[in-house]
Amino acid sequence: MNQYYTQLLPYLERNHAYEAALALLSWDTETLAPPAASENTAKYVGILSEEAYHILICDEVESLLKKLSSKKEQETLSVSEQAVVRLLQKQFKKLSCIPPKEYREFSELCATAQTVYCRAKQNAKFEDFAPTLEKLVDYTRRFASYRAEKNDNLYDLLLDEYEEGFTTDILDDFFAKLREAIVPLMKQVIAKNDTIKKDYNTRNYPEDIQEGFCRFLSGYLGFDYNRGVIAESEHPFTTSLHNHDVRITNHYYSDNLESAMFSAIHETGHALYEMGVDDTLSGTPAGTGISMGMHESQSRFYENMIGRSKEFWEPLFPKLKATYPEELADVSLENFIAGINKAEPGPIRTEADELTYPLHIMIRYELEKDLIAGNCTVSDLPELWNKKYKDYLGITPKNASEGVLQDIHWSGASFGYFPSYALGSAIAAQLYHYMAQQIPVTDYLKEGNMVPIREFLRDHIHKYGAVYPTNELLKKVTGEEFNPDYYIRYLTEKYTKLYHL
């Protein structure tokens, strides 16, 4: 092993130890911590964040990175080691321009912001969260400006944190393609929406029974309970301390059968990615998913391409009916499959069907761009949000909780994250198209055999962690870079068939 890389490893290990502790505190805050803990916990988060910052942002690490950047040293590194150096250089560039005091203040703000957000959402009062959100936006703009070069688009810099290589120009073209294809198709579908009935979904489903079935679903897909934990939170999410400690959450509604089931499938897709990262990468900057778009591709692949298919439910539906014998007594497999795929505009992104889902992301993308560019203010968001929902989906949220406050992302200053959801769906369609040419996916689903599908993804995507950038990995796997045409074709064919258009 290269001597300079060997000298770098202790810094990576120490930094990751702090990051794992921070992830654990975040997990606890979202799941089990008492409300009164938030203020003190935020202080500890600030202290740990500052310590983690100083471990990497120091003269010793800077010197080692400079040495490892030379062509001579690069040639002595493995592909994985080169990736670790590249990703650490990117992280160093991002953090080194931020004053430590501001970084700590920002970390503390993020730690308290989620509690403020959750309280505001429960009370449907955007004005209670707005002052905190204004501070988060200010920090985000300021930090991006610290590393911006002449004529840099600040939002492009934020996108690069989640989707390296994807810019607003690329995304504008992507969303324009989606809009052109989806909006006319959605209008056709809505005109025939009464043909699909799904009143079964809002019957009474005890939350404890839902939790048990969802645990079964996660295990069925391959979630390893020796290396993973499932808890409950307001907004389902996945976090990873390392590839042997991956945690997901879910949320249950007694009057909504689908919500928790498909959240469980979705978050399990994320978890399988993290669990599948090669042991040699875990604990390094390359020891996680390459991008949020690629991460979302795994969750959306399992949730939609697999989880909403008839073949997936053929071996499972008898168990689902046995779990809810009275509630589903009059529901056939055919009724159920049509119901879980029904397209109907609604206000909630996480409950959206596949067809209308990208429109939710377009709305957030457009708002974020304007917010970071200074073309709108935080106080403008509720009105702009409702207007875009009316324009895009023909509906108006009844309050802030199902409107501008429905997503938790902004409370963590995750600006630039939302486009990943649409990119992930498109990448999932591209990967599914390729996979179906290589292995008999539908046959495995009918057999109830998820192992070949999981192993295919582990061998082609998961084990590489963040070694290859998204487009490079896609080309390595499928032979071509990101291509949204597969996604448009998938949606068009699926809904044309479902609604007999």
Foldseek 3Di string as FASTA:
>chain_A
DDPLLVVCVVLLLVLLVLVLVLLVLVVCVFFPDDLVCQLVSLLVQLVSQLVSLDSCQDPSNVVSLVVCPDPVNVVVDDLQSNLLSVLSVVVNLLRNLDPSVLRSVLSSLLSNLLSQLVVCLVVLHVVSNLVSLQVLLVSLLVSLVSNDDPPDQSLQSLLCVFANPDGPVNVVVVVVVLCVQQQVLLVVQVVLLVVADDQLFQDFDDQVLLVVVLVVVLVLLPDDPQQEEEGAGPDWDWDDSWLSHIYIYFYDDRRGNVLRNLSSQLRSLLNLLLNLAAPVCISTSLNAAQGLLQSLLSSCLRSPVQVLDLLLCLVPVVVVCVSVVVSCVPPDSVSVSLVLQRAADDLALSSHHPSLNVLLLVLLLVVLSCDSVVVDHSVCPQVSFQVSCCVRRVDGDPGSSSTVSVDSCSSNSSRSNSVSNVSSLLVNLLVVVQVVVPDVVSVCSNVSHNVVVSVVCSVLGRHRRNSDRQQVSCCVRRVGGRDSPSSSVVVVVVSCVSSVD
